[in-house]
Amino acid sequence: MFHKNLKLIITALLISTAVWQFIESYIGNGIMFILLASIFVFLYFKNEIILLSFLRLRKQDFPGAKKWLDKIKNPEASLVTKQQGYYNYLNGLMLSQTNINEAEKYFKKAVALGLSMDTDMAMTKLNLAGIAMSKNRKREAEILLSEAKKLDKQNMMGDQIKMMKDQMKRAGQPKQQFGGGRSGRGGARR
């Protein structure tokens, strides 16, 4: 993995080499250097480690995705802001299976940094709503669910949102006591 500024330096060198090749009438070489430079520009905005982690995650290989994410030692130096958001989003997804407190920190940081796709942001807010609901923060969960619903324009998470709202309604109902009318204070016995 290259540092983000190193990718820009390599791109500048490749473009200057391409210009030199065009001047020397080696058009094919110049085109090749331009194409090579475009790969580094692409990798500047779409980090290769994040892409490989997404591929592992798509195959439901959580340990493999975590292994790739762990290769990013300093995300602030290696990634642009949106990619830092995705780094935190992926770490939150990994930890949501085992440690919801740590996952909540990663998801909140991903929201603060921003994600480029609305569906990813909706998924993040949905996960945060689930965490808030599990910690009995009903109002926060309702707000996050409504934000997730607004962000989910293709209705890809409609079932999950509906299911979570139903769970919130059931959690808000008073618990029914079974006991045949006996009061809790030791009522009269016969």
N, C-alpha and C. Protein backbone atom coordinates (compact mmCIF):
# COMPACT_ATOMS: atom_id res chain seq x y z
N MET A 1 0.83 -1.17 0.00
CA MET A 1 0.00 0.00 0.00
C MET A 1 0.88 1.24 0.00
N PHE A 2 0.54 2.18 -0.86
CA PHE A 2 1.29 3.43 -0.95
C PHE A 2 0.63 4.51 -0.12
N HIS A 3 1.42 5.40 0.43
CA HIS A 3 0.91 6.58 1.11
C HIS A 3 0.18 7.44 0.09
N LYS A 4 -0.89 8.13 0.53
CA LYS A 4 -1.71 8.89 -0.43
C LYS A 4 -0.91 9.97 -1.16
N ASN A 5 0.04 10.61 -0.50
CA ASN A 5 0.84 11.64 -1.18
C ASN A 5 1.84 11.02 -2.15
N LEU A 6 2.32 9.83 -1.83
CA LEU A 6 3.23 9.13 -2.73
C LEU A 6 2.51 8.77 -4.04
N LYS A 7 1.23 8.44 -3.94
CA LYS A 7 0.45 8.15 -5.15
C LYS A 7 0.38 9.38 -6.05
N LEU A 8 0.22 10.55 -5.45
CA LEU A 8 0.18 11.79 -6.24
C LEU A 8 1.53 12.09 -6.88
N ILE A 9 2.60 11.84 -6.15
CA ILE A 9 3.95 12.07 -6.69
C ILE A 9 4.21 11.13 -7.86
N ILE A 10 3.86 9.85 -7.70
CA ILE A 10 4.04 8.89 -8.79
C ILE A 10 3.20 9.30 -10.00
N THR A 11 1.98 9.77 -9.77
CA THR A 11 1.13 10.23 -10.86
C THR A 11 1.77 11.40 -11.61
N ALA A 12 2.30 12.36 -10.86
CA ALA A 12 2.95 13.52 -11.49
C ALA A 12 4.17 13.09 -12.31
N LEU A 13 4.96 12.16 -11.78
CA LEU A 13 6.12 11.65 -12.52
C LEU A 13 5.70 10.92 -13.78
N LEU A 14 4.67 10.12 -13.70
CA LEU A 14 4.20 9.39 -14.87
C LEU A 14 3.65 10.33 -15.94
N ILE A 15 2.93 11.36 -15.53
CA ILE A 15 2.39 12.31 -16.51
C ILE A 15 3.51 13.11 -17.16
N SER A 16 4.51 13.51 -16.35
CA SER A 16 5.63 14.24 -16.95
C SER A 16 6.43 13.34 -17.90
N THR A 17 6.57 12.06 -17.57
CA THR A 17 7.22 11.12 -18.48
C THR A 17 6.40 10.95 -19.76
N ALA A 18 5.06 10.93 -19.61
CA ALA A 18 4.18 10.81 -20.78
C ALA A 18 4.34 12.02 -21.70
N VAL A 19 4.40 13.21 -21.11
CA VAL A 19 4.59 14.43 -21.92
C VAL A 19 5.93 14.37 -22.65
N TRP A 20 6.97 13.93 -21.94
CA TRP A 20 8.29 13.80 -22.56
C TRP A 20 8.24 12.81 -23.73
N GLN A 21 7.52 11.70 -23.55
CA GLN A 21 7.40 10.71 -24.62
C GLN A 21 6.61 11.26 -25.81
N PHE A 22 5.61 12.08 -25.55
CA PHE A 22 4.86 12.72 -26.64
C PHE A 22 5.76 13.68 -27.42
N ILE A 23 6.58 14.42 -26.68
CA ILE A 23 7.49 15.37 -27.34
C ILE A 23 8.51 14.63 -28.20
N GLU A 24 8.98 13.49 -27.74
CA GLU A 24 9.97 12.70 -28.47
C GLU A 24 9.33 11.86 -29.59
N SER A 25 8.04 12.04 -29.82
CA SER A 25 7.27 11.34 -30.86
C SER A 25 7.07 9.85 -30.59
N TYR A 26 7.11 9.47 -29.33
CA TYR A 26 6.78 8.10 -28.94
C TYR A 26 5.36 8.11 -28.36
N ILE A 27 4.38 8.23 -29.25
CA ILE A 27 2.98 8.42 -28.85
C ILE A 27 2.47 7.21 -28.05
N GLY A 28 2.78 6.00 -28.48
CA GLY A 28 2.33 4.80 -27.78
C GLY A 28 2.82 4.74 -26.35
N ASN A 29 4.10 5.08 -26.15
CA ASN A 29 4.64 5.09 -24.79
C ASN A 29 3.95 6.16 -23.94
N GLY A 30 3.69 7.32 -24.52
CA GLY A 30 3.01 8.39 -23.80
C GLY A 30 1.62 7.98 -23.36
N ILE A 31 0.89 7.30 -24.26
CA ILE A 31 -0.46 6.83 -23.90
C ILE A 31 -0.39 5.80 -22.78
N MET A 32 0.61 4.91 -22.85
CA MET A 32 0.77 3.90 -21.81
C MET A 32 1.04 4.57 -20.45
N PHE A 33 1.89 5.60 -20.42
CA PHE A 33 2.18 6.29 -19.16
C PHE A 33 0.96 7.03 -18.63
N ILE A 34 0.15 7.59 -19.52
CA ILE A 34 -1.09 8.25 -19.10
C ILE A 34 -2.04 7.23 -18.46
N LEU A 35 -2.18 6.06 -19.08
CA LEU A 35 -3.05 5.01 -18.53
C LEU A 35 -2.53 4.52 -17.18
N LEU A 36 -1.22 4.40 -17.07
CA LEU A 36 -0.62 3.98 -15.81
C LEU A 36 -0.85 5.04 -14.72
N ALA A 37 -0.75 6.31 -15.10
CA ALA A 37 -1.00 7.39 -14.15
C ALA A 37 -2.46 7.39 -13.70
N SER A 38 -3.38 7.04 -14.61
CA SER A 38 -4.80 7.03 -14.25
C SER A 38 -5.09 5.95 -13.21
N ILE A 39 -4.31 4.86 -13.21
CA ILE A 39 -4.48 3.82 -12.19
C ILE A 39 -4.14 4.39 -10.81
N PHE A 40 -3.06 5.16 -10.73
CA PHE A 40 -2.68 5.74 -9.44
C PHE A 40 -3.66 6.81 -8.98
N VAL A 41 -4.26 7.53 -9.93
CA VAL A 41 -5.30 8.50 -9.56
C VAL A 41 -6.51 7.76 -9.00
N PHE A 42 -6.90 6.67 -9.67
CA PHE A 42 -8.01 5.85 -9.18
C PHE A 42 -7.73 5.32 -7.78
N LEU A 43 -6.53 4.82 -7.56
CA LEU A 43 -6.18 4.27 -6.26
C LEU A 43 -6.02 5.35 -5.18
N TYR A 44 -5.84 6.59 -5.59
CA TYR A 44 -5.81 7.68 -4.62
C TYR A 44 -7.20 7.86 -4.01
N PHE A 45 -8.23 7.79 -4.84
CA PHE A 45 -9.59 8.00 -4.36
C PHE A 45 -10.27 6.72 -3.89
N LYS A 46 -9.87 5.59 -4.41
CA LYS A 46 -10.42 4.28 -4.01
C LYS A 46 -9.26 3.41 -3.55
N ASN A 47 -9.03 3.37 -2.26
CA ASN A 47 -7.88 2.66 -1.71
C ASN A 47 -7.97 1.17 -2.01
N GLU A 48 -6.83 0.60 -2.38
CA GLU A 48 -6.80 -0.82 -2.79
C GLU A 48 -7.10 -1.76 -1.63
N ILE A 49 -6.68 -1.41 -0.43
CA ILE A 49 -6.93 -2.27 0.73
C ILE A 49 -8.42 -2.26 1.09
N ILE A 50 -9.04 -1.09 1.01
CA ILE A 50 -10.47 -0.99 1.28
C ILE A 50 -11.25 -1.81 0.24
N LEU A 51 -10.84 -1.72 -1.03
CA LEU A 51 -11.51 -2.50 -2.08
C LEU A 51 -11.38 -4.00 -1.82
N LEU A 52 -10.19 -4.45 -1.43
CA LEU A 52 -9.99 -5.87 -1.14
C LEU A 52 -10.80 -6.30 0.09
N SER A 53 -10.94 -5.43 1.07
CA SER A 53 -11.75 -5.74 2.24
C SER A 53 -13.22 -5.89 1.86
N PHE A 54 -13.71 -4.99 0.98
CA PHE A 54 -15.09 -5.09 0.51
C PHE A 54 -15.31 -6.41 -0.24
N LEU A 55 -14.34 -6.83 -1.04
CA LEU A 55 -14.47 -8.10 -1.75
C LEU A 55 -14.57 -9.27 -0.77
N ARG A 56 -13.76 -9.26 0.28
CA ARG A 56 -13.82 -10.31 1.29
C ARG A 56 -15.16 -10.29 2.02
N LEU A 57 -15.63 -9.09 2.32
CA LEU A 57 -16.89 -8.93 3.03
C LEU A 57 -18.06 -9.42 2.17
N ARG A 58 -17.95 -9.22 0.88
CA ARG A 58 -19.00 -9.67 -0.03
C ARG A 58 -19.13 -11.19 -0.03
N LYS A 59 -18.02 -11.87 0.24
CA LYS A 59 -18.02 -13.33 0.34
C LYS A 59 -18.32 -13.81 1.76
N GLN A 60 -18.72 -12.90 2.64
CA GLN A 60 -19.02 -13.20 4.04
C GLN A 60 -17.79 -13.72 4.79
N ASP A 61 -16.62 -13.29 4.37
CA ASP A 61 -15.37 -13.69 5.01
C ASP A 61 -14.92 -12.56 5.95
N PHE A 62 -15.53 -12.50 7.14
CA PHE A 62 -15.22 -11.44 8.08
C PHE A 62 -13.78 -11.48 8.57
N PRO A 63 -13.22 -12.65 8.91
CA PRO A 63 -11.81 -12.66 9.33
C PRO A 63 -10.86 -12.20 8.21
N GLY A 64 -11.16 -12.58 6.98
CA GLY A 64 -10.31 -12.16 5.86
C GLY A 64 -10.38 -10.67 5.63
N ALA A 65 -11.60 -10.10 5.75
CA ALA A 65 -11.76 -8.66 5.60
C ALA A 65 -11.04 -7.91 6.72
N LYS A 66 -11.13 -8.44 7.93
CA LYS A 66 -10.44 -7.81 9.07
C LYS A 66 -8.93 -7.86 8.88
N LYS A 67 -8.45 -8.97 8.31
CA LYS A 67 -7.01 -9.10 8.06
C LYS A 67 -6.53 -8.03 7.09
N TRP A 68 -7.32 -7.78 6.04
CA TRP A 68 -6.95 -6.73 5.08
C TRP A 68 -7.01 -5.35 5.74
N LEU A 69 -8.05 -5.10 6.53
CA LEU A 69 -8.16 -3.79 7.18
C LEU A 69 -7.02 -3.53 8.16
N ASP A 70 -6.55 -4.58 8.80
CA ASP A 70 -5.45 -4.43 9.76
C ASP A 70 -4.14 -4.04 9.08
N LYS A 71 -4.06 -4.19 7.77
CA LYS A 71 -2.85 -3.79 7.05
C LYS A 71 -2.72 -2.26 6.95
N ILE A 72 -3.81 -1.55 7.18
CA ILE A 72 -3.77 -0.08 7.19
C ILE A 72 -3.38 0.34 8.59
N LYS A 73 -2.13 0.74 8.75
CA LYS A 73 -1.62 1.08 10.07
C LYS A 73 -2.01 2.48 10.52
N ASN A 74 -1.96 3.46 9.61
CA ASN A 74 -2.28 4.84 9.94
C ASN A 74 -3.29 5.36 8.92
N PRO A 75 -4.59 5.20 9.19
CA PRO A 75 -5.60 5.59 8.20
C PRO A 75 -5.61 7.08 7.88
N GLU A 76 -5.26 7.94 8.83
CA GLU A 76 -5.27 9.38 8.58
C GLU A 76 -4.22 9.77 7.54
N ALA A 77 -3.08 9.09 7.53
CA ALA A 77 -2.02 9.42 6.59
C ALA A 77 -2.19 8.70 5.25
N SER A 78 -2.79 7.52 5.29
CA SER A 78 -2.86 6.70 4.08
C SER A 78 -4.12 6.91 3.26
N LEU A 79 -5.18 7.44 3.87
CA LEU A 79 -6.47 7.49 3.20
C LEU A 79 -7.01 8.91 3.12
N VAL A 80 -7.75 9.19 2.05
CA VAL A 80 -8.47 10.47 1.96
C VAL A 80 -9.68 10.37 2.89
N THR A 81 -10.36 11.48 3.12
CA THR A 81 -11.40 11.56 4.14
C THR A 81 -12.52 10.53 3.93
N LYS A 82 -13.04 10.41 2.73
CA LYS A 82 -14.12 9.46 2.46
C LYS A 82 -13.66 8.03 2.70
N GLN A 83 -12.41 7.73 2.34
CA GLN A 83 -11.89 6.38 2.56
C GLN A 83 -11.69 6.11 4.05
N GLN A 84 -11.37 7.15 4.83
CA GLN A 84 -11.30 6.99 6.28
C GLN A 84 -12.67 6.63 6.83
N GLY A 85 -13.71 7.25 6.24
CA GLY A 85 -15.08 6.92 6.63
C GLY A 85 -15.39 5.46 6.36
N TYR A 86 -14.99 4.97 5.19
CA TYR A 86 -15.22 3.56 4.86
C TYR A 86 -14.38 2.63 5.72
N TYR A 87 -13.18 3.04 6.08
CA TYR A 87 -12.34 2.26 6.99
C TYR A 87 -13.06 2.07 8.32
N ASN A 88 -13.60 3.16 8.86
CA ASN A 88 -14.33 3.08 10.13
C ASN A 88 -15.63 2.30 9.98
N TYR A 89 -16.31 2.46 8.85
CA TYR A 89 -17.55 1.73 8.57
C TYR A 89 -17.29 0.23 8.55
N LEU A 90 -16.25 -0.20 7.86
CA LEU A 90 -15.93 -1.62 7.79
C LEU A 90 -15.51 -2.17 9.15
N ASN A 91 -14.72 -1.40 9.89
CA ASN A 91 -14.34 -1.84 11.24
C ASN A 91 -15.57 -1.95 12.13
N GLY A 92 -16.50 -1.02 11.99
CA GLY A 92 -17.74 -1.09 12.75
C GLY A 92 -18.55 -2.33 12.41
N LEU A 93 -18.60 -2.68 11.13
CA LEU A 93 -19.32 -3.89 10.72
C LEU A 93 -18.67 -5.14 11.32
N MET A 94 -17.33 -5.16 11.32
CA MET A 94 -16.63 -6.32 11.88
C MET A 94 -16.90 -6.45 13.38
N LEU A 95 -16.85 -5.33 14.09
CA LEU A 95 -16.99 -5.37 15.54
C LEU A 95 -18.43 -5.46 16.01
N SER A 96 -19.39 -5.17 15.13
CA SER A 96 -20.79 -5.23 15.54
C SER A 96 -21.21 -6.65 15.90
N GLN A 97 -20.45 -7.64 15.45
CA GLN A 97 -20.74 -9.03 15.79
C GLN A 97 -20.29 -9.37 17.21
N THR A 98 -19.27 -8.67 17.72
CA THR A 98 -18.68 -9.06 19.00
C THR A 98 -18.71 -7.97 20.06
N ASN A 99 -18.45 -6.71 19.70
CA ASN A 99 -18.28 -5.65 20.68
C ASN A 99 -19.05 -4.42 20.22
N ILE A 100 -20.28 -4.25 20.70
CA ILE A 100 -21.11 -3.15 20.17
C ILE A 100 -20.65 -1.78 20.65
N ASN A 101 -19.99 -1.72 21.80
CA ASN A 101 -19.50 -0.42 22.27
C ASN A 101 -18.41 0.11 21.34
N GLU A 102 -17.49 -0.75 20.97
CA GLU A 102 -16.42 -0.34 20.05
C GLU A 102 -16.98 -0.10 18.66
N ALA A 103 -17.95 -0.92 18.25
CA ALA A 103 -18.57 -0.74 16.93
C ALA A 103 -19.28 0.60 16.85
N GLU A 104 -19.93 1.01 17.93
CA GLU A 104 -20.62 2.29 17.95
C GLU A 104 -19.64 3.45 17.72
N LYS A 105 -18.47 3.36 18.32
CA LYS A 105 -17.45 4.41 18.13
C LYS A 105 -17.04 4.50 16.65
N TYR A 106 -16.82 3.33 16.04
CA TYR A 106 -16.42 3.32 14.63
C TYR A 106 -17.54 3.84 13.73
N PHE A 107 -18.78 3.45 14.00
CA PHE A 107 -19.89 3.91 13.17
C PHE A 107 -20.08 5.42 13.30
N LYS A 108 -19.96 5.94 14.52
CA LYS A 108 -20.11 7.40 14.71
C LYS A 108 -19.00 8.16 13.99
N LYS A 109 -17.80 7.62 14.02
CA LYS A 109 -16.69 8.26 13.31
C LYS A 109 -16.91 8.20 11.80
N ALA A 110 -17.48 7.09 11.31
CA ALA A 110 -17.78 6.97 9.88
C ALA A 110 -18.83 8.00 9.46
N VAL A 111 -19.83 8.23 10.30
CA VAL A 111 -20.85 9.24 10.00
C VAL A 111 -20.22 10.62 9.98
N ALA A 112 -19.33 10.89 10.94
CA ALA A 112 -18.67 12.21 11.01
C ALA A 112 -17.79 12.45 9.78
N LEU A 113 -17.07 11.43 9.33
CA LEU A 113 -16.19 11.59 8.17
C LEU A 113 -16.96 11.58 6.85
N GLY A 114 -18.08 10.88 6.83
CA GLY A 114 -18.91 10.82 5.63
C GLY A 114 -18.59 9.62 4.76
N LEU A 115 -19.61 9.14 4.08
CA LEU A 115 -19.50 8.04 3.14
C LEU A 115 -20.07 8.53 1.81
N SER A 116 -19.53 8.03 0.72
CA SER A 116 -19.92 8.58 -0.58
C SER A 116 -21.27 8.05 -1.07
N MET A 117 -21.72 6.91 -0.59
CA MET A 117 -22.99 6.35 -1.05
C MET A 117 -24.04 6.47 0.05
N ASP A 118 -25.25 6.88 -0.35
CA ASP A 118 -26.33 7.04 0.62
C ASP A 118 -26.73 5.71 1.25
N THR A 119 -26.67 4.63 0.49
CA THR A 119 -27.05 3.33 1.07
C THR A 119 -26.07 2.90 2.16
N ASP A 120 -24.79 3.22 2.00
CA ASP A 120 -23.82 2.90 3.03
C ASP A 120 -24.07 3.74 4.28
N MET A 121 -24.42 5.00 4.08
CA MET A 121 -24.73 5.86 5.22
C MET A 121 -26.01 5.38 5.91
N ALA A 122 -26.98 4.94 5.12
CA ALA A 122 -28.22 4.41 5.70
C ALA A 122 -27.94 3.16 6.52
N MET A 123 -27.07 2.30 6.02
CA MET A 123 -26.70 1.08 6.76
C MET A 123 -26.00 1.43 8.06
N THR A 124 -25.15 2.44 8.02
CA THR A 124 -24.45 2.88 9.23
C THR A 124 -25.44 3.40 10.26
N LYS A 125 -26.39 4.23 9.81
CA LYS A 125 -27.40 4.78 10.74
C LYS A 125 -28.30 3.67 11.27
N LEU A 126 -28.61 2.68 10.43
CA LEU A 126 -29.42 1.55 10.88
C LEU A 126 -28.69 0.77 11.96
N ASN A 127 -27.41 0.53 11.78
CA ASN A 127 -26.62 -0.16 12.80
C ASN A 127 -26.54 0.66 14.09
N LEU A 128 -26.37 1.97 13.95
CA LEU A 128 -26.34 2.83 15.15
C LEU A 128 -27.69 2.81 15.86
N ALA A 129 -28.78 2.75 15.10
CA ALA A 129 -30.11 2.67 15.70
C ALA A 129 -30.27 1.37 16.48
N GLY A 130 -29.78 0.27 15.91
CA GLY A 130 -29.84 -1.00 16.61
C GLY A 130 -29.04 -0.99 17.90
N ILE A 131 -27.88 -0.35 17.85
CA ILE A 131 -27.04 -0.25 19.06
C ILE A 131 -27.74 0.62 20.10
N ALA A 132 -28.31 1.75 19.66
CA ALA A 132 -29.01 2.64 20.59
C ALA A 132 -30.22 1.93 21.20
N MET A 133 -30.93 1.15 20.39
CA MET A 133 -32.08 0.42 20.90
C MET A 133 -31.65 -0.62 21.93
N SER A 134 -30.54 -1.28 21.70
CA SER A 134 -30.06 -2.29 22.66
C SER A 134 -29.60 -1.65 23.97
N LYS A 135 -29.26 -0.37 23.91
CA LYS A 135 -28.84 0.34 25.13
C LYS A 135 -29.99 1.16 25.73
N ASN A 136 -31.23 0.90 25.30
CA ASN A 136 -32.44 1.56 25.79
C ASN A 136 -32.44 3.07 25.57
N ARG A 137 -31.88 3.51 24.46
CA ARG A 137 -31.93 4.93 24.07
C ARG A 137 -32.93 5.03 22.91
N LYS A 138 -34.21 4.96 23.27
CA LYS A 138 -35.28 4.84 22.29
C LYS A 138 -35.37 6.08 21.39
N ARG A 139 -35.28 7.25 21.95
CA ARG A 139 -35.42 8.49 21.17
C ARG A 139 -34.31 8.59 20.12
N GLU A 140 -33.08 8.31 20.52
CA GLU A 140 -31.95 8.33 19.58
C GLU A 140 -32.15 7.29 18.48
N ALA A 141 -32.65 6.12 18.85
CA ALA A 141 -32.88 5.06 17.86
C ALA A 141 -33.95 5.49 16.86
N GLU A 142 -35.00 6.16 17.33
CA GLU A 142 -36.06 6.63 16.42
C GLU A 142 -35.52 7.65 15.42
N ILE A 143 -34.70 8.58 15.91
CA ILE A 143 -34.12 9.60 15.03
C ILE A 143 -33.22 8.96 13.99
N LEU A 144 -32.38 8.02 14.42
CA LEU A 144 -31.47 7.35 13.48
C LEU A 144 -32.24 6.51 12.46
N LEU A 145 -33.33 5.88 12.89
CA LEU A 145 -34.15 5.10 11.95
C LEU A 145 -34.79 5.99 10.90
N SER A 146 -35.28 7.15 11.31
CA SER A 146 -35.90 8.06 10.33
C SER A 146 -34.85 8.60 9.36
N GLU A 147 -33.64 8.86 9.84
CA GLU A 147 -32.56 9.30 8.95
C GLU A 147 -32.17 8.19 7.97
N ALA A 148 -32.13 6.96 8.47
CA ALA A 148 -31.79 5.82 7.60
C ALA A 148 -32.86 5.65 6.53
N LYS A 149 -34.12 5.83 6.90
CA LYS A 149 -35.21 5.68 5.93
C LYS A 149 -35.12 6.74 4.84
N LYS A 150 -34.75 7.98 5.22
CA LYS A 150 -34.59 9.06 4.23
C LYS A 150 -33.43 8.76 3.27
N LEU A 151 -32.36 8.19 3.79
CA LEU A 151 -31.18 7.91 2.97
C LEU A 151 -31.37 6.69 2.06
N ASP A 152 -32.28 5.80 2.43
CA ASP A 152 -32.51 4.57 1.66
C ASP A 152 -33.50 4.85 0.54
N LYS A 153 -33.01 5.47 -0.52
CA LYS A 153 -33.88 5.89 -1.63
C LYS A 153 -34.36 4.72 -2.48
N GLN A 154 -33.58 3.63 -2.58
CA GLN A 154 -34.00 2.48 -3.38
C GLN A 154 -34.77 1.46 -2.55
N ASN A 155 -35.04 1.77 -1.30
CA ASN A 155 -35.79 0.91 -0.38
C ASN A 155 -35.13 -0.46 -0.25
N MET A 156 -33.81 -0.48 -0.21
CA MET A 156 -33.08 -1.73 -0.06
C MET A 156 -33.14 -2.25 1.38
N MET A 157 -33.30 -1.35 2.34
CA MET A 157 -33.32 -1.74 3.74
C MET A 157 -34.69 -1.54 4.37
N GLY A 158 -35.72 -1.48 3.55
CA GLY A 158 -37.07 -1.24 4.05
C GLY A 158 -37.52 -2.30 5.03
N ASP A 159 -37.22 -3.57 4.77
CA ASP A 159 -37.63 -4.65 5.66
C ASP A 159 -36.94 -4.55 7.02
N GLN A 160 -35.64 -4.25 7.00
CA GLN A 160 -34.89 -4.13 8.25
C GLN A 160 -35.39 -2.95 9.09
N ILE A 161 -35.68 -1.83 8.41
CA ILE A 161 -36.18 -0.65 9.12
C ILE A 161 -37.54 -0.95 9.74
N LYS A 162 -38.42 -1.60 8.97
CA LYS A 162 -39.75 -1.94 9.46
C LYS A 162 -39.65 -2.91 10.64
N MET A 163 -38.79 -3.90 10.53
CA MET A 163 -38.61 -4.87 11.60
C MET A 163 -38.10 -4.19 12.88
N MET A 164 -37.17 -3.25 12.72
CA MET A 164 -36.64 -2.56 13.90
C MET A 164 -37.70 -1.67 14.54
N LYS A 165 -38.53 -1.03 13.72
CA LYS A 165 -39.62 -0.21 14.28
C LYS A 165 -40.61 -1.08 15.04
N ASP A 166 -40.90 -2.25 14.51
CA ASP A 166 -41.80 -3.17 15.22
C ASP A 166 -41.20 -3.60 16.55
N GLN A 167 -39.91 -3.87 16.57
CA GLN A 167 -39.24 -4.24 17.82
C GLN A 167 -39.29 -3.11 18.82
N MET A 168 -39.16 -1.88 18.34
CA MET A 168 -39.22 -0.72 19.24
C MET A 168 -40.62 -0.58 19.82
N LYS A 169 -41.66 -0.83 19.00
CA LYS A 169 -43.03 -0.75 19.51
C LYS A 169 -43.27 -1.81 20.59
N ARG A 170 -42.78 -3.04 20.34
CA ARG A 170 -42.96 -4.10 21.31
C ARG A 170 -42.20 -3.80 22.60
N ALA A 171 -41.03 -3.20 22.47
CA ALA A 171 -40.24 -2.88 23.66
C ALA A 171 -40.88 -1.76 24.46
N GLY A 172 -41.64 -0.90 23.80
CA GLY A 172 -42.28 0.22 24.48
C GLY A 172 -43.57 -0.14 25.18
N GLN A 173 -44.17 -1.30 24.87
CA GLN A 173 -45.42 -1.71 25.50
C GLN A 173 -45.13 -2.18 26.92
N PRO A 174 -46.09 -1.93 27.82
CA PRO A 174 -45.88 -2.41 29.19
C PRO A 174 -45.93 -3.94 29.21
N LYS A 175 -45.15 -4.50 30.10
CA LYS A 175 -45.08 -5.95 30.20
C LYS A 175 -46.33 -6.46 30.91
N GLN A 176 -46.95 -7.46 30.33
CA GLN A 176 -48.16 -8.02 30.89
C GLN A 176 -47.78 -9.01 31.98
N GLN A 177 -48.48 -8.90 33.10
CA GLN A 177 -48.16 -9.80 34.20
C GLN A 177 -49.21 -10.89 34.27
N PHE A 178 -48.74 -12.08 34.44
CA PHE A 178 -49.64 -13.21 34.56
C PHE A 178 -49.63 -13.63 36.01
N GLY A 179 -50.78 -13.74 36.61
CA GLY A 179 -50.81 -14.16 38.00
C GLY A 179 -52.22 -14.20 38.55
N GLY A 180 -53.20 -13.97 37.73
CA GLY A 180 -54.58 -14.13 38.14
C GLY A 180 -55.08 -13.09 39.11
N GLY A 181 -54.67 -11.89 39.01
CA GLY A 181 -55.26 -10.80 39.77
C GLY A 181 -54.69 -10.62 41.18
N ARG A 182 -53.74 -11.39 41.57
CA ARG A 182 -53.14 -11.23 42.88
C ARG A 182 -52.28 -9.98 42.87
N SER A 183 -52.36 -9.16 43.89
CA SER A 183 -51.55 -7.95 43.93
C SER A 183 -50.14 -8.31 44.31
N GLY A 184 -49.20 -7.42 43.95
CA GLY A 184 -47.80 -7.68 44.18
C GLY A 184 -47.40 -7.50 45.64
N ARG A 185 -48.33 -7.05 46.50
CA ARG A 185 -47.96 -6.76 47.89
C ARG A 185 -48.40 -7.88 48.85
N GLY A 186 -48.56 -9.00 48.33
CA GLY A 186 -48.89 -10.14 49.20
C GLY A 186 -50.36 -10.23 49.54
N GLY A 187 -51.25 -9.82 48.70
CA GLY A 187 -52.70 -9.78 48.88
C GLY A 187 -53.25 -10.77 49.90
N ALA A 188 -54.52 -10.71 50.13
CA ALA A 188 -55.17 -11.55 51.16
C ALA A 188 -55.18 -12.99 50.71
N ARG A 189 -54.82 -13.85 51.66
CA ARG A 189 -54.86 -15.28 51.38
C ARG A 189 -55.99 -15.92 52.14
N ARG A 190 -56.54 -16.91 51.55
CA ARG A 190 -57.65 -17.61 52.22
C ARG A 190 -57.32 -19.01 52.47
